[in-house]
Amino acid sequence: MIDLAGLTFDEAKSRFALQIRNFYNQFKQAYESKDEYGVVSLISSDWGSNDRNRIQETKNRIEI
């Protein structure tokens, strides 16, 4: 979590964008290297999809 207290809107926006880019790069690297644990570790354990699948069900379907 990023502490945004005391930042201007542009500073907060920049920090948030950097956090998103870092997450994307980690996810991309794990996926491209076929690191199932790495991919799943980046997804919240209480995540659920629109079709009501939970993370364990999704993990079982990931073909990387």
C-alpha atoms as a PDB file:
ATOM      1  CA  MET A   1       0.000   0.000   0.000  1.00  0.00           C
ATOM      2  CA  ILE A   2       1.286   3.454  -0.848  1.00  0.00           C
ATOM      3  CA  ASP A   3       1.044   6.286   1.676  1.00  0.00           C
ATOM      4  CA  LEU A   4      -0.404   9.187  -0.303  1.00  0.00           C
ATOM      5  CA  ALA A   5      -0.756  11.593   2.637  1.00  0.00           C
ATOM      6  CA  GLY A   6       0.693  14.999   1.937  1.00  0.00           C
ATOM      7  CA  LEU A   7       1.150  14.410  -1.794  1.00  0.00           C
ATOM      8  CA  THR A   8      -0.244  16.538  -4.557  1.00  0.00           C
ATOM      9  CA  PHE A   9      -2.680  14.897  -6.941  1.00  0.00           C
ATOM     10  CA  ASP A  10       0.017  14.574  -9.624  1.00  0.00           C
ATOM     11  CA  GLU A  11       2.505  13.045  -7.179  1.00  0.00           C
ATOM     12  CA  ALA A  12      -0.080  10.545  -5.968  1.00  0.00           C
ATOM     13  CA  LYS A  13      -1.048   9.734  -9.553  1.00  0.00           C
ATOM     14  CA  SER A  14       2.608   9.123 -10.465  1.00  0.00           C
ATOM     15  CA  ARG A  15       3.199   6.832  -7.491  1.00  0.00           C
ATOM     16  CA  PHE A  16       0.038   4.884  -8.204  1.00  0.00           C
ATOM     17  CA  ALA A  17       0.985   4.513 -11.879  1.00  0.00           C
ATOM     18  CA  LEU A  18       4.422   3.243 -10.855  1.00  0.00           C
ATOM     19  CA  GLN A  19       2.845   0.680  -8.526  1.00  0.00           C
ATOM     20  CA  ILE A  20       0.601  -0.546 -11.354  1.00  0.00           C
ATOM     21  CA  ARG A  21       3.547  -0.797 -13.781  1.00  0.00           C
ATOM     22  CA  ASN A  22       5.559  -2.739 -11.205  1.00  0.00           C
ATOM     23  CA  PHE A  23       2.677  -5.150 -10.613  1.00  0.00           C
ATOM     24  CA  TYR A  24       2.184  -5.627 -14.368  1.00  0.00           C
ATOM     25  CA  ASN A  25       5.891  -6.310 -14.892  1.00  0.00           C
ATOM     26  CA  GLN A  26       5.943  -8.877 -12.071  1.00  0.00           C
ATOM     27  CA  PHE A  27       2.842 -10.594 -13.441  1.00  0.00           C
ATOM     28  CA  LYS A  28       4.190 -10.563 -17.002  1.00  0.00           C
ATOM     29  CA  GLN A  29       7.544 -11.964 -15.935  1.00  0.00           C
ATOM     30  CA  ALA A  30       5.937 -14.752 -13.880  1.00  0.00           C
ATOM     31  CA  TYR A  31       3.516 -15.642 -16.682  1.00  0.00           C
ATOM     32  CA  GLU A  32       6.140 -15.610 -19.429  1.00  0.00           C
ATOM     33  CA  SER A  33       8.508 -17.757 -17.370  1.00  0.00           C
ATOM     34  CA  LYS A  34       5.642 -20.218 -16.702  1.00  0.00           C
ATOM     35  CA  ASP A  35       5.946 -19.625 -12.950  1.00  0.00           C
ATOM     36  CA  GLU A  36       2.521 -20.781 -11.741  1.00  0.00           C
ATOM     37  CA  TYR A  37       3.293 -19.953  -8.110  1.00  0.00           C
ATOM     38  CA  GLY A  38       4.481 -16.486  -9.120  1.00  0.00           C
ATOM     39  CA  VAL A  39       1.288 -15.770 -11.059  1.00  0.00           C
ATOM     40  CA  VAL A  40      -1.039 -17.055  -8.348  1.00  0.00           C
ATOM     41  CA  SER A  41       0.897 -15.274  -5.582  1.00  0.00           C
ATOM     42  CA  LEU A  42       0.083 -11.942  -7.217  1.00  0.00           C
ATOM     43  CA  ILE A  43      -3.670 -12.595  -7.020  1.00  0.00           C
ATOM     44  CA  SER A  44      -5.494 -12.037  -3.730  1.00  0.00           C
ATOM     45  CA  SER A  45      -6.557 -15.256  -2.003  1.00  0.00           C
ATOM     46  CA  ASP A  46     -10.102 -13.916  -1.618  1.00  0.00           C
ATOM     47  CA  TRP A  47     -10.406 -12.886  -5.263  1.00  0.00           C
ATOM     48  CA  GLY A  48     -13.428 -14.102  -7.202  1.00  0.00           C
ATOM     49  CA  SER A  49     -14.273 -13.846 -10.875  1.00  0.00           C
ATOM     50  CA  ASN A  50     -17.538 -12.742 -12.450  1.00  0.00           C
ATOM     51  CA  ASP A  51     -18.530 -16.396 -12.891  1.00  0.00           C
ATOM     52  CA  ARG A  52     -18.028 -16.920  -9.129  1.00  0.00           C
ATOM     53  CA  ASN A  53     -14.827 -18.950  -9.460  1.00  0.00           C
ATOM     54  CA  ARG A  54     -12.452 -18.593  -6.548  1.00  0.00           C
ATOM     55  CA  ILE A  55      -8.670 -18.355  -6.758  1.00  0.00           C
ATOM     56  CA  GLN A  56      -8.106 -22.097  -6.204  1.00  0.00           C
ATOM     57  CA  GLU A  57     -10.486 -22.985  -9.046  1.00  0.00           C
ATOM     58  CA  THR A  58      -8.783 -20.441 -11.282  1.00  0.00           C
ATOM     59  CA  LYS A  59      -5.332 -21.716 -10.270  1.00  0.00           C
ATOM     60  CA  ASN A  60      -6.371 -25.189 -11.355  1.00  0.00           C
ATOM     61  CA  ARG A  61      -7.336 -23.814 -14.790  1.00  0.00           C
ATOM     62  CA  ILE A  62      -4.210 -21.753 -15.470  1.00  0.00           C
ATOM     63  CA  GLU A  63      -2.242 -23.325 -18.254  1.00  0.00           C
ATOM     64  CA  ILE A  64       1.111 -21.628 -18.370  1.00  0.00           C
END
